[in-house]
Amino acid sequence: MKVGTTMDKVFFSDKQQGFTLLEVLIAISIFSVVSLASFTIFDTVLRGDENSKIRTERQNELQRAFLLIERDFTQIAKRSMRVNGEAPTNNFLQTADDSFLADDQAIAFVRNGWTNPGLLLPRSDMQSVAYRLEDGTLQRLHYNFVDAVVGQEPRVRPLITLVTSLAFEFYDGSKWQEKWSGQKLPQAIAIEIETEDYGFIRRQFLVAGDLATEEKSKS
């Protein structure tokens, strides 16, 4: 009896399948949408961080300026000024001067408390100070000496940018007034500035004026 072995021949066929054009286009579209969304979020975060830094720097600029203004106004001295070797003025506060201040949008005075321990520096502990608006910037000016000599230029320090207007008001104990004259100091001074970003800003500062001194002496 013959035993026969039948071997089945199995044939394997490798079928290689790829992506269709439609699938590729869909994948590219999804990737583009995700990339665009990611870029938009990233750009928004960057812009927000940049705007936050700008606002913070702007607020710091305003705070530093008003702290400096407050320090000057609260230490105004009852002393007249001499500009460019000219005769001293009769008023303790100047709101306009051809050689020092450009127009009525300015104020000048002498202040106490300019640090000079033991008078080691060749100058007084008093300082001639002025504030003015120049090219959209609130500036602080001062001389090294209380009475400036002929030809001496003041040192200029920019304080607040983007300023469109500057004005001052003076409190005499009963009301605020735009002009101040005479040989007395007001009880308070208000500074008003108009800025391009924050709009109208007003700050009021106390002054050791004559009226306050008189009331204190009476009490």
N, C-alpha and C. Protein backbone atom coordinates (compact mmCIF):
# COMPACT_ATOMS: atom_id res chain seq x y z
N MET A 1 0.86 -1.18 0.00
CA MET A 1 0.00 0.00 0.00
C MET A 1 0.89 1.23 0.00
N LYS A 2 0.73 2.04 -0.88
CA LYS A 2 1.51 3.27 -1.01
C LYS A 2 0.83 4.42 -0.28
N VAL A 3 1.70 4.96 0.54
CA VAL A 3 1.17 6.12 1.26
C VAL A 3 1.67 7.38 0.56
N GLY A 4 0.84 8.12 0.08
CA GLY A 4 1.21 9.33 -0.63
C GLY A 4 1.02 10.59 0.24
N THR A 5 1.95 11.47 0.18
CA THR A 5 1.88 12.74 0.95
C THR A 5 1.66 13.89 -0.01
N THR A 6 0.59 14.55 0.28
CA THR A 6 0.23 15.70 -0.58
C THR A 6 0.58 16.98 0.13
N MET A 7 1.47 17.71 -0.46
CA MET A 7 1.89 18.98 0.14
C MET A 7 1.17 20.13 -0.56
N ASP A 8 0.50 20.84 0.28
CA ASP A 8 -0.22 22.00 -0.28
C ASP A 8 0.75 23.17 -0.44
N LYS A 9 0.73 23.66 -1.56
CA LYS A 9 1.55 24.83 -1.85
C LYS A 9 0.77 26.11 -1.51
N VAL A 10 1.38 26.81 -0.57
CA VAL A 10 0.73 28.05 -0.14
C VAL A 10 1.49 29.23 -0.74
N PHE A 11 0.79 30.03 -1.36
CA PHE A 11 1.38 31.21 -1.98
C PHE A 11 1.00 32.47 -1.17
N PHE A 12 2.05 33.24 -0.77
CA PHE A 12 1.84 34.50 -0.04
C PHE A 12 2.06 35.66 -0.99
N SER A 13 1.17 36.54 -0.99
CA SER A 13 1.29 37.74 -1.82
C SER A 13 1.33 38.97 -0.91
N ASP A 14 2.41 39.72 -0.96
CA ASP A 14 2.55 40.95 -0.17
C ASP A 14 1.81 42.10 -0.85
N LYS A 15 0.88 42.64 -0.12
CA LYS A 15 0.11 43.77 -0.63
C LYS A 15 0.56 45.04 0.10
N GLN A 16 1.23 45.93 -0.54
CA GLN A 16 1.69 47.19 0.03
C GLN A 16 0.64 48.28 -0.18
N GLN A 17 0.14 48.79 0.98
CA GLN A 17 -0.89 49.82 0.92
C GLN A 17 -0.34 51.15 1.43
N GLY A 18 -0.58 52.28 0.78
CA GLY A 18 -0.15 53.62 1.18
C GLY A 18 -1.34 54.51 1.45
N PHE A 19 -1.02 55.84 1.77
CA PHE A 19 -2.08 56.81 2.00
C PHE A 19 -2.60 57.34 0.67
N THR A 20 -3.86 57.53 0.67
CA THR A 20 -4.43 58.12 -0.53
C THR A 20 -4.20 59.63 -0.50
N LEU A 21 -4.39 60.27 -1.61
CA LEU A 21 -4.20 61.72 -1.70
C LEU A 21 -5.15 62.46 -0.77
N LEU A 22 -6.36 61.97 -0.65
CA LEU A 22 -7.33 62.61 0.22
C LEU A 22 -6.89 62.55 1.68
N GLU A 23 -6.36 61.39 2.10
CA GLU A 23 -5.90 61.25 3.47
C GLU A 23 -4.72 62.18 3.75
N VAL A 24 -3.83 62.30 2.77
CA VAL A 24 -2.69 63.21 2.95
C VAL A 24 -3.17 64.65 3.09
N LEU A 25 -4.11 65.05 2.27
CA LEU A 25 -4.63 66.41 2.35
C LEU A 25 -5.33 66.66 3.68
N ILE A 26 -6.07 65.68 4.18
CA ILE A 26 -6.74 65.83 5.47
C ILE A 26 -5.72 65.96 6.59
N ALA A 27 -4.67 65.16 6.53
CA ALA A 27 -3.62 65.22 7.56
C ALA A 27 -2.92 66.57 7.54
N ILE A 28 -2.63 67.07 6.35
CA ILE A 28 -1.98 68.38 6.24
C ILE A 28 -2.88 69.49 6.77
N SER A 29 -4.17 69.36 6.49
CA SER A 29 -5.12 70.38 6.97
C SER A 29 -5.19 70.38 8.49
N ILE A 30 -5.26 69.21 9.09
CA ILE A 30 -5.32 69.12 10.55
C ILE A 30 -4.05 69.68 11.17
N PHE A 31 -2.91 69.33 10.60
CA PHE A 31 -1.64 69.84 11.11
C PHE A 31 -1.55 71.36 10.99
N SER A 32 -2.07 71.89 9.89
CA SER A 32 -2.04 73.34 9.70
C SER A 32 -2.92 74.04 10.72
N VAL A 33 -4.10 73.49 10.99
CA VAL A 33 -5.01 74.09 11.95
C VAL A 33 -4.40 74.08 13.35
N VAL A 34 -3.82 72.94 13.73
CA VAL A 34 -3.19 72.83 15.04
C VAL A 34 -2.01 73.79 15.16
N SER A 35 -1.19 73.88 14.11
CA SER A 35 -0.04 74.78 14.13
C SER A 35 -0.47 76.23 14.22
N LEU A 36 -1.51 76.60 13.46
CA LEU A 36 -2.00 77.97 13.50
C LEU A 36 -2.55 78.31 14.87
N ALA A 37 -3.29 77.38 15.47
CA ALA A 37 -3.84 77.63 16.80
C ALA A 37 -2.72 77.77 17.82
N SER A 38 -1.70 76.94 17.72
CA SER A 38 -0.58 77.01 18.66
C SER A 38 0.18 78.33 18.51
N PHE A 39 0.40 78.75 17.26
CA PHE A 39 1.10 80.01 17.02
C PHE A 39 0.29 81.19 17.54
N THR A 40 -1.04 81.14 17.34
CA THR A 40 -1.89 82.23 17.81
C THR A 40 -1.83 82.36 19.33
N ILE A 41 -1.88 81.23 20.02
CA ILE A 41 -1.80 81.24 21.48
C ILE A 41 -0.44 81.77 21.93
N PHE A 42 0.62 81.29 21.28
CA PHE A 42 1.97 81.72 21.63
C PHE A 42 2.15 83.22 21.38
N ASP A 43 1.65 83.70 20.25
CA ASP A 43 1.77 85.12 19.93
C ASP A 43 0.95 85.97 20.91
N THR A 44 -0.22 85.47 21.30
CA THR A 44 -1.05 86.20 22.27
C THR A 44 -0.35 86.31 23.62
N VAL A 45 0.28 85.22 24.04
CA VAL A 45 1.01 85.23 25.31
C VAL A 45 2.17 86.22 25.26
N LEU A 46 2.91 86.21 24.14
CA LEU A 46 4.04 87.13 24.00
C LEU A 46 3.59 88.58 24.00
N ARG A 47 2.52 88.86 23.25
CA ARG A 47 2.01 90.24 23.20
C ARG A 47 1.49 90.68 24.56
N GLY A 48 0.79 89.78 25.26
CA GLY A 48 0.31 90.10 26.58
C GLY A 48 1.43 90.39 27.56
N ASP A 49 2.50 89.59 27.48
CA ASP A 49 3.64 89.82 28.36
C ASP A 49 4.33 91.15 28.03
N GLU A 50 4.44 91.45 26.74
CA GLU A 50 5.06 92.71 26.33
C GLU A 50 4.23 93.90 26.76
N ASN A 51 2.91 93.82 26.58
CA ASN A 51 2.03 94.92 27.01
C ASN A 51 2.06 95.09 28.52
N SER A 52 2.15 93.97 29.23
CA SER A 52 2.22 94.04 30.69
C SER A 52 3.50 94.74 31.14
N LYS A 53 4.61 94.43 30.47
CA LYS A 53 5.88 95.09 30.81
C LYS A 53 5.81 96.59 30.51
N ILE A 54 5.19 96.95 29.38
CA ILE A 54 5.07 98.36 29.02
C ILE A 54 4.23 99.10 30.04
N ARG A 55 3.09 98.52 30.44
CA ARG A 55 2.23 99.16 31.45
C ARG A 55 2.95 99.29 32.79
N THR A 56 3.69 98.24 33.16
CA THR A 56 4.41 98.28 34.43
C THR A 56 5.47 99.37 34.41
N GLU A 57 6.23 99.46 33.32
CA GLU A 57 7.26 100.49 33.20
C GLU A 57 6.63 101.89 33.20
N ARG A 58 5.48 102.02 32.56
CA ARG A 58 4.80 103.31 32.53
C ARG A 58 4.33 103.72 33.92
N GLN A 59 3.75 102.78 34.65
CA GLN A 59 3.30 103.08 36.01
C GLN A 59 4.47 103.41 36.92
N ASN A 60 5.58 102.69 36.75
CA ASN A 60 6.77 103.00 37.54
C ASN A 60 7.30 104.40 37.21
N GLU A 61 7.22 104.77 35.94
CA GLU A 61 7.66 106.10 35.53
C GLU A 61 6.82 107.18 36.21
N LEU A 62 5.51 106.99 36.24
CA LEU A 62 4.63 107.97 36.88
C LEU A 62 4.87 108.02 38.39
N GLN A 63 5.03 106.86 39.01
CA GLN A 63 5.24 106.84 40.46
C GLN A 63 6.55 107.52 40.84
N ARG A 64 7.62 107.22 40.10
CA ARG A 64 8.90 107.86 40.40
C ARG A 64 8.81 109.37 40.24
N ALA A 65 8.14 109.81 39.18
CA ALA A 65 8.02 111.25 38.92
C ALA A 65 7.26 111.95 40.04
N PHE A 66 6.12 111.41 40.45
CA PHE A 66 5.32 112.08 41.48
C PHE A 66 5.98 112.01 42.85
N LEU A 67 6.75 110.97 43.11
CA LEU A 67 7.51 110.93 44.37
C LEU A 67 8.57 112.03 44.40
N LEU A 68 9.22 112.25 43.25
CA LEU A 68 10.22 113.30 43.17
C LEU A 68 9.57 114.68 43.28
N ILE A 69 8.43 114.86 42.62
CA ILE A 69 7.71 116.13 42.69
C ILE A 69 7.27 116.41 44.12
N GLU A 70 6.74 115.39 44.79
CA GLU A 70 6.31 115.55 46.18
C GLU A 70 7.48 115.95 47.08
N ARG A 71 8.63 115.32 46.87
CA ARG A 71 9.81 115.64 47.68
C ARG A 71 10.22 117.09 47.49
N ASP A 72 10.15 117.58 46.24
CA ASP A 72 10.53 118.97 45.97
C ASP A 72 9.51 119.95 46.54
N PHE A 73 8.22 119.70 46.30
CA PHE A 73 7.19 120.65 46.71
C PHE A 73 7.09 120.76 48.24
N THR A 74 7.28 119.64 48.94
CA THR A 74 7.16 119.68 50.39
C THR A 74 8.36 120.35 51.06
N GLN A 75 9.42 120.62 50.28
CA GLN A 75 10.62 121.25 50.84
C GLN A 75 10.93 122.60 50.20
N ILE A 76 9.89 123.25 49.65
CA ILE A 76 10.10 124.58 49.06
C ILE A 76 10.56 125.56 50.14
N ALA A 77 11.59 126.30 49.83
CA ALA A 77 12.16 127.25 50.78
C ALA A 77 11.66 128.67 50.49
N LYS A 78 11.62 129.48 51.51
CA LYS A 78 11.25 130.89 51.35
C LYS A 78 12.50 131.65 50.91
N ARG A 79 12.88 131.44 49.68
CA ARG A 79 14.08 132.06 49.13
C ARG A 79 13.84 132.38 47.67
N SER A 80 14.24 133.55 47.26
CA SER A 80 14.10 133.95 45.86
C SER A 80 15.21 133.33 45.02
N MET A 81 15.06 133.41 43.69
CA MET A 81 16.01 132.83 42.76
C MET A 81 16.76 133.91 42.00
N ARG A 82 17.96 133.57 41.60
CA ARG A 82 18.75 134.43 40.73
C ARG A 82 19.15 133.59 39.51
N VAL A 83 18.76 134.04 38.32
CA VAL A 83 19.00 133.28 37.10
C VAL A 83 19.95 134.05 36.19
N ASN A 84 21.00 133.37 35.72
CA ASN A 84 21.97 133.96 34.79
C ASN A 84 22.59 135.25 35.33
N GLY A 85 22.85 135.29 36.62
CA GLY A 85 23.51 136.44 37.20
C GLY A 85 22.64 137.67 37.34
N GLU A 86 21.35 137.54 37.05
CA GLU A 86 20.46 138.69 37.14
C GLU A 86 20.08 138.93 38.60
N ALA A 87 19.40 140.03 38.82
CA ALA A 87 18.95 140.35 40.18
C ALA A 87 17.92 139.33 40.63
N PRO A 88 17.89 138.99 41.91
CA PRO A 88 16.92 138.01 42.40
C PRO A 88 15.50 138.53 42.27
N THR A 89 14.60 137.61 42.05
CA THR A 89 13.20 137.99 41.93
C THR A 89 12.60 138.19 43.31
N ASN A 90 11.43 138.81 43.36
CA ASN A 90 10.76 139.07 44.63
C ASN A 90 9.89 137.92 45.08
N ASN A 91 9.54 137.03 44.15
CA ASN A 91 8.62 135.94 44.47
C ASN A 91 9.38 134.65 44.78
N PHE A 92 8.82 133.86 45.68
CA PHE A 92 9.41 132.56 46.00
C PHE A 92 9.08 131.52 44.93
N LEU A 93 7.99 131.72 44.22
CA LEU A 93 7.59 130.83 43.14
C LEU A 93 7.58 131.60 41.84
N GLN A 94 8.15 131.01 40.79
CA GLN A 94 8.13 131.61 39.45
C GLN A 94 7.35 130.69 38.54
N THR A 95 6.46 131.28 37.76
CA THR A 95 5.70 130.50 36.79
C THR A 95 6.10 130.81 35.37
N ALA A 96 6.96 131.77 35.15
CA ALA A 96 7.44 132.08 33.81
C ALA A 96 8.70 132.92 33.93
N ASP A 97 9.68 132.61 33.06
CA ASP A 97 10.92 133.38 33.03
C ASP A 97 11.56 133.17 31.67
N ASP A 98 11.91 134.23 31.01
CA ASP A 98 12.42 134.11 29.64
C ASP A 98 13.70 133.30 29.55
N SER A 99 14.55 133.36 30.57
CA SER A 99 15.84 132.70 30.47
C SER A 99 15.83 131.28 31.02
N PHE A 100 14.78 130.91 31.76
CA PHE A 100 14.79 129.61 32.41
C PHE A 100 13.57 128.78 32.06
N LEU A 101 12.42 129.43 32.04
CA LEU A 101 11.18 128.72 31.76
C LEU A 101 10.61 129.18 30.44
N ALA A 102 10.05 128.23 29.71
CA ALA A 102 9.58 128.54 28.36
C ALA A 102 8.28 129.34 28.38
N ASP A 103 7.33 128.92 29.21
CA ASP A 103 6.03 129.59 29.21
C ASP A 103 5.35 129.35 30.55
N ASP A 104 4.03 129.59 30.57
CA ASP A 104 3.29 129.43 31.82
C ASP A 104 3.15 127.97 32.23
N GLN A 105 3.46 127.04 31.34
CA GLN A 105 3.41 125.62 31.70
C GLN A 105 4.70 125.22 32.39
N ALA A 106 5.04 125.94 33.44
CA ALA A 106 6.29 125.67 34.15
C ALA A 106 6.23 126.33 35.52
N ILE A 107 7.12 125.88 36.40
CA ILE A 107 7.22 126.45 37.74
C ILE A 107 8.66 126.30 38.21
N ALA A 108 9.13 127.27 38.98
CA ALA A 108 10.51 127.25 39.49
C ALA A 108 10.52 127.75 40.92
N PHE A 109 11.45 127.21 41.71
CA PHE A 109 11.55 127.59 43.12
C PHE A 109 12.87 127.06 43.67
N VAL A 110 13.13 127.40 44.93
CA VAL A 110 14.30 126.88 45.65
C VAL A 110 13.81 125.93 46.72
N ARG A 111 14.45 124.79 46.85
CA ARG A 111 14.05 123.80 47.85
C ARG A 111 15.18 123.52 48.82
N ASN A 112 14.79 123.10 50.02
CA ASN A 112 15.75 122.67 51.03
C ASN A 112 16.04 121.18 50.88
N GLY A 113 16.97 120.70 51.70
CA GLY A 113 17.16 119.26 51.84
C GLY A 113 17.94 118.59 50.74
N TRP A 114 18.73 119.34 49.95
CA TRP A 114 19.57 118.69 48.95
C TRP A 114 20.77 118.10 49.69
N THR A 115 20.85 116.78 49.71
CA THR A 115 21.81 116.09 50.56
C THR A 115 23.25 116.54 50.28
N ASN A 116 23.89 117.01 51.34
CA ASN A 116 25.29 117.43 51.28
C ASN A 116 25.88 117.30 52.69
N PRO A 117 26.15 116.04 53.12
CA PRO A 117 26.57 115.81 54.50
C PRO A 117 27.83 116.60 54.85
N GLY A 118 27.72 117.37 55.93
CA GLY A 118 28.86 118.14 56.38
C GLY A 118 29.33 119.20 55.42
N LEU A 119 28.51 119.51 54.43
CA LEU A 119 28.88 120.49 53.39
C LEU A 119 30.24 120.14 52.77
N LEU A 120 30.43 118.84 52.51
CA LEU A 120 31.68 118.38 51.91
C LEU A 120 31.78 118.78 50.44
N LEU A 121 30.63 118.85 49.77
CA LEU A 121 30.62 119.26 48.37
C LEU A 121 30.62 120.79 48.29
N PRO A 122 31.27 121.34 47.26
CA PRO A 122 31.36 122.81 47.13
C PRO A 122 30.05 123.44 46.65
N ARG A 123 28.99 123.19 47.38
CA ARG A 123 27.68 123.76 47.04
C ARG A 123 26.83 123.79 48.30
N SER A 124 25.69 124.44 48.19
CA SER A 124 24.76 124.55 49.30
C SER A 124 23.89 123.30 49.39
N ASP A 125 23.17 123.17 50.50
CA ASP A 125 22.19 122.10 50.61
C ASP A 125 20.82 122.56 50.12
N MET A 126 20.78 123.75 49.50
CA MET A 126 19.57 124.25 48.85
C MET A 126 19.76 124.10 47.34
N GLN A 127 18.65 123.96 46.62
CA GLN A 127 18.71 123.66 45.20
C GLN A 127 17.64 124.44 44.44
N SER A 128 18.04 125.03 43.32
CA SER A 128 17.09 125.67 42.42
C SER A 128 16.48 124.63 41.51
N VAL A 129 15.16 124.56 41.52
CA VAL A 129 14.45 123.50 40.79
C VAL A 129 13.39 124.13 39.89
N ALA A 130 13.15 123.51 38.77
CA ALA A 130 12.07 123.94 37.87
C ALA A 130 11.47 122.73 37.20
N TYR A 131 10.19 122.84 36.88
CA TYR A 131 9.47 121.81 36.12
C TYR A 131 8.86 122.49 34.90
N ARG A 132 8.99 121.83 33.75
CA ARG A 132 8.44 122.40 32.53
C ARG A 132 8.05 121.28 31.58
N LEU A 133 7.23 121.63 30.60
CA LEU A 133 6.82 120.71 29.54
C LEU A 133 7.59 121.05 28.28
N GLU A 134 8.35 120.08 27.76
CA GLU A 134 9.18 120.30 26.59
C GLU A 134 9.08 119.10 25.66
N ASP A 135 8.56 119.32 24.44
CA ASP A 135 8.45 118.26 23.43
C ASP A 135 7.70 117.04 23.97
N GLY A 136 6.59 117.28 24.66
CA GLY A 136 5.76 116.19 25.15
C GLY A 136 6.32 115.45 26.35
N THR A 137 7.32 116.02 27.01
CA THR A 137 7.93 115.38 28.16
C THR A 137 7.98 116.36 29.33
N LEU A 138 7.52 115.90 30.48
CA LEU A 138 7.65 116.70 31.71
C LEU A 138 9.09 116.56 32.20
N GLN A 139 9.75 117.70 32.31
CA GLN A 139 11.17 117.72 32.68
C GLN A 139 11.38 118.39 34.04
N ARG A 140 12.41 117.91 34.72
CA ARG A 140 12.86 118.56 35.95
C ARG A 140 14.23 119.16 35.68
N LEU A 141 14.39 120.44 36.01
CA LEU A 141 15.65 121.13 35.78
C LEU A 141 16.21 121.59 37.12
N HIS A 142 17.52 121.58 37.24
CA HIS A 142 18.14 122.12 38.44
C HIS A 142 19.55 122.61 38.12
N TYR A 143 20.00 123.56 38.91
CA TYR A 143 21.36 124.07 38.82
C TYR A 143 22.20 123.47 39.95
N ASN A 144 23.50 123.40 39.73
CA ASN A 144 24.39 122.94 40.80
C ASN A 144 24.47 123.94 41.94
N PHE A 145 24.24 125.21 41.61
CA PHE A 145 24.30 126.25 42.62
C PHE A 145 22.95 126.96 42.69
N VAL A 146 22.63 127.44 43.87
CA VAL A 146 21.32 128.07 44.06
C VAL A 146 21.16 129.27 43.13
N ASP A 147 22.18 130.11 43.09
CA ASP A 147 22.14 131.28 42.21
C ASP A 147 23.02 131.00 41.00
N ALA A 148 22.39 130.77 39.88
CA ALA A 148 23.12 130.42 38.66
C ALA A 148 23.90 131.62 38.14
N VAL A 149 25.08 131.35 37.64
CA VAL A 149 25.91 132.40 37.06
C VAL A 149 25.57 132.56 35.58
N VAL A 150 26.12 133.58 34.98
CA VAL A 150 25.83 133.85 33.58
C VAL A 150 26.35 132.72 32.71
N GLY A 151 25.49 132.23 31.84
CA GLY A 151 25.87 131.20 30.90
C GLY A 151 25.76 129.78 31.41
N GLN A 152 25.44 129.59 32.67
CA GLN A 152 25.33 128.24 33.21
C GLN A 152 24.03 127.59 32.76
N GLU A 153 24.15 126.36 32.22
CA GLU A 153 22.99 125.63 31.74
C GLU A 153 22.48 124.69 32.82
N PRO A 154 21.17 124.60 32.97
CA PRO A 154 20.63 123.69 33.97
C PRO A 154 20.74 122.23 33.53
N ARG A 155 20.74 121.34 34.48
CA ARG A 155 20.70 119.92 34.19
C ARG A 155 19.24 119.49 34.03
N VAL A 156 18.99 118.76 32.97
CA VAL A 156 17.62 118.40 32.62
C VAL A 156 17.42 116.90 32.84
N ARG A 157 16.35 116.57 33.53
CA ARG A 157 16.00 115.17 33.77
C ARG A 157 14.58 114.92 33.29
N PRO A 158 14.41 114.09 32.25
CA PRO A 158 13.05 113.77 31.80
C PRO A 158 12.33 112.89 32.82
N LEU A 159 11.07 113.23 33.09
CA LEU A 159 10.31 112.48 34.10
C LEU A 159 9.16 111.69 33.51
N ILE A 160 8.26 112.36 32.79
CA ILE A 160 7.07 111.71 32.25
C ILE A 160 6.96 112.02 30.77
N THR A 161 6.82 110.99 29.96
CA THR A 161 6.67 111.15 28.52
C THR A 161 5.19 111.12 28.14
N LEU A 162 4.93 111.40 26.86
CA LEU A 162 3.57 111.38 26.30
C LEU A 162 2.64 112.36 27.03
N VAL A 163 3.17 113.51 27.39
CA VAL A 163 2.37 114.54 28.07
C VAL A 163 1.95 115.59 27.05
N THR A 164 0.67 115.91 27.03
CA THR A 164 0.15 116.89 26.08
C THR A 164 -0.08 118.26 26.70
N SER A 165 -0.28 118.33 28.02
CA SER A 165 -0.49 119.62 28.66
C SER A 165 -0.04 119.54 30.11
N LEU A 166 0.33 120.70 30.64
CA LEU A 166 0.81 120.81 32.02
C LEU A 166 0.26 122.09 32.62
N ALA A 167 -0.24 122.01 33.84
CA ALA A 167 -0.78 123.19 34.52
C ALA A 167 -0.58 123.04 36.02
N PHE A 168 -0.58 124.19 36.71
CA PHE A 168 -0.41 124.21 38.16
C PHE A 168 -1.52 125.05 38.78
N GLU A 169 -1.93 124.66 39.98
CA GLU A 169 -2.86 125.44 40.76
C GLU A 169 -2.32 125.58 42.18
N PHE A 170 -2.74 126.67 42.85
CA PHE A 170 -2.19 127.00 44.16
C PHE A 170 -3.33 127.24 45.15
N TYR A 171 -3.18 126.65 46.33
CA TYR A 171 -4.22 126.76 47.36
C TYR A 171 -3.78 127.77 48.42
N ASP A 172 -4.60 128.79 48.63
CA ASP A 172 -4.24 129.87 49.54
C ASP A 172 -4.86 129.71 50.93
N GLY A 173 -5.50 128.58 51.17
CA GLY A 173 -6.15 128.35 52.45
C GLY A 173 -7.66 128.35 52.36
N SER A 174 -8.19 128.94 51.29
CA SER A 174 -9.64 128.98 51.12
C SER A 174 -10.08 128.51 49.74
N LYS A 175 -9.26 128.73 48.73
CA LYS A 175 -9.64 128.32 47.37
C LYS A 175 -8.39 128.05 46.54
N TRP A 176 -8.61 127.35 45.44
CA TRP A 176 -7.53 127.08 44.48
C TRP A 176 -7.52 128.19 43.43
N GLN A 177 -6.34 128.60 43.02
CA GLN A 177 -6.21 129.63 41.98
C GLN A 177 -5.08 129.25 41.02
N GLU A 178 -5.24 129.70 39.78
CA GLU A 178 -4.31 129.33 38.73
C GLU A 178 -3.02 130.14 38.78
N LYS A 179 -3.05 131.34 39.30
CA LYS A 179 -1.87 132.20 39.37
C LYS A 179 -1.49 132.41 40.83
N TRP A 180 -0.19 132.58 41.04
CA TRP A 180 0.29 132.85 42.39
C TRP A 180 1.35 133.93 42.32
N SER A 181 1.18 134.94 43.13
CA SER A 181 2.13 136.03 43.16
C SER A 181 2.31 136.50 44.60
N GLY A 182 3.33 137.25 44.84
CA GLY A 182 3.58 137.75 46.18
C GLY A 182 4.70 137.00 46.86
N GLN A 183 5.04 137.45 48.04
CA GLN A 183 6.16 136.89 48.78
C GLN A 183 5.71 135.90 49.85
N LYS A 184 4.67 135.20 49.58
CA LYS A 184 4.20 134.14 50.45
C LYS A 184 4.12 132.83 49.68
N LEU A 185 4.16 131.76 50.43
CA LEU A 185 4.03 130.44 49.83
C LEU A 185 2.61 129.94 50.00
N PRO A 186 2.09 129.19 49.03
CA PRO A 186 0.75 128.61 49.18
C PRO A 186 0.77 127.46 50.17
N GLN A 187 -0.40 127.04 50.59
CA GLN A 187 -0.49 125.90 51.50
C GLN A 187 -0.38 124.58 50.74
N ALA A 188 -0.72 124.61 49.48
CA ALA A 188 -0.64 123.39 48.67
C ALA A 188 -0.49 123.77 47.21
N ILE A 189 0.11 122.86 46.45
CA ILE A 189 0.27 123.04 45.01
C ILE A 189 -0.27 121.80 44.31
N ALA A 190 -1.04 122.02 43.27
CA ALA A 190 -1.58 120.92 42.48
C ALA A 190 -0.93 120.93 41.10
N ILE A 191 -0.57 119.77 40.62
CA ILE A 191 -0.03 119.65 39.27
C ILE A 191 -1.01 118.84 38.45
N GLU A 192 -1.34 119.33 37.28
CA GLU A 192 -2.28 118.67 36.38
C GLU A 192 -1.59 118.39 35.05
N ILE A 193 -1.61 117.14 34.65
CA ILE A 193 -1.02 116.77 33.37
C ILE A 193 -2.04 115.97 32.56
N GLU A 194 -1.98 116.13 31.26
CA GLU A 194 -2.82 115.36 30.34
C GLU A 194 -1.88 114.45 29.55
N THR A 195 -2.11 113.16 29.64
CA THR A 195 -1.25 112.19 28.95
C THR A 195 -2.02 111.50 27.83
N GLU A 196 -1.28 110.98 26.88
CA GLU A 196 -1.90 110.32 25.74
C GLU A 196 -2.52 108.98 26.11
N ASP A 197 -2.01 108.31 27.12
CA ASP A 197 -2.51 106.98 27.46
C ASP A 197 -3.41 106.96 28.70
N TYR A 198 -3.08 107.73 29.74
CA TYR A 198 -3.86 107.73 30.97
C TYR A 198 -4.81 108.91 31.08
N GLY A 199 -4.75 109.83 30.15
CA GLY A 199 -5.66 110.96 30.19
C GLY A 199 -5.26 111.98 31.25
N PHE A 200 -6.26 112.53 31.94
CA PHE A 200 -6.05 113.61 32.89
C PHE A 200 -5.59 113.04 34.23
N ILE A 201 -4.51 113.60 34.77
CA ILE A 201 -3.98 113.20 36.08
C ILE A 201 -3.75 114.47 36.91
N ARG A 202 -4.24 114.45 38.13
CA ARG A 202 -4.05 115.58 39.04
C ARG A 202 -3.50 115.06 40.37
N ARG A 203 -2.46 115.72 40.85
CA ARG A 203 -1.88 115.39 42.15
C ARG A 203 -1.72 116.67 42.97
N GLN A 204 -2.04 116.60 44.26
CA GLN A 204 -1.96 117.75 45.15
C GLN A 204 -0.93 117.47 46.23
N PHE A 205 -0.10 118.48 46.53
CA PHE A 205 0.99 118.31 47.48
C PHE A 205 0.97 119.46 48.48
N LEU A 206 1.12 119.12 49.74
CA LEU A 206 1.16 120.13 50.79
C LEU A 206 2.48 120.89 50.75
N VAL A 207 2.41 122.15 51.12
CA VAL A 207 3.59 123.01 51.17
C VAL A 207 3.63 123.66 52.55
N ALA A 208 4.82 123.79 53.10
CA ALA A 208 4.97 124.48 54.39
C ALA A 208 4.81 125.98 54.16
N GLY A 209 3.60 126.38 53.83
CA GLY A 209 3.35 127.77 53.47
C GLY A 209 3.30 128.70 54.66
N ASP A 210 3.22 129.98 54.39
CA ASP A 210 3.19 131.00 55.44
C ASP A 210 1.94 130.90 56.29
N LEU A 211 0.80 130.59 55.65
CA LEU A 211 -0.45 130.52 56.39
C LEU A 211 -0.41 129.38 57.39
N ALA A 212 0.16 128.24 56.97
CA ALA A 212 0.26 127.11 57.88
C ALA A 212 1.18 127.43 59.04
N THR A 213 2.26 128.18 58.76
CA THR A 213 3.19 128.55 59.81
C THR A 213 2.55 129.51 60.80
N GLU A 214 1.74 130.45 60.29
CA GLU A 214 1.06 131.41 61.16
C GLU A 214 0.05 130.72 62.06
N GLU A 215 -0.72 129.77 61.49
CA GLU A 215 -1.72 129.06 62.29
C GLU A 215 -1.05 128.22 63.36
N LYS A 216 0.09 127.63 63.04
CA LYS A 216 0.81 126.81 64.00
C LYS A 216 1.35 127.66 65.15
N SER A 217 1.85 128.86 64.81
CA SER A 217 2.38 129.74 65.84
C SER A 217 1.27 130.27 66.77
N LYS A 218 0.09 130.49 66.20
CA LYS A 218 -1.03 130.97 67.01
C LYS A 218 -1.49 129.91 68.00
N SER A 219 -1.47 128.65 67.51
CA SER A 219 -1.92 127.57 68.39
C SER A 219 -0.87 127.28 69.47
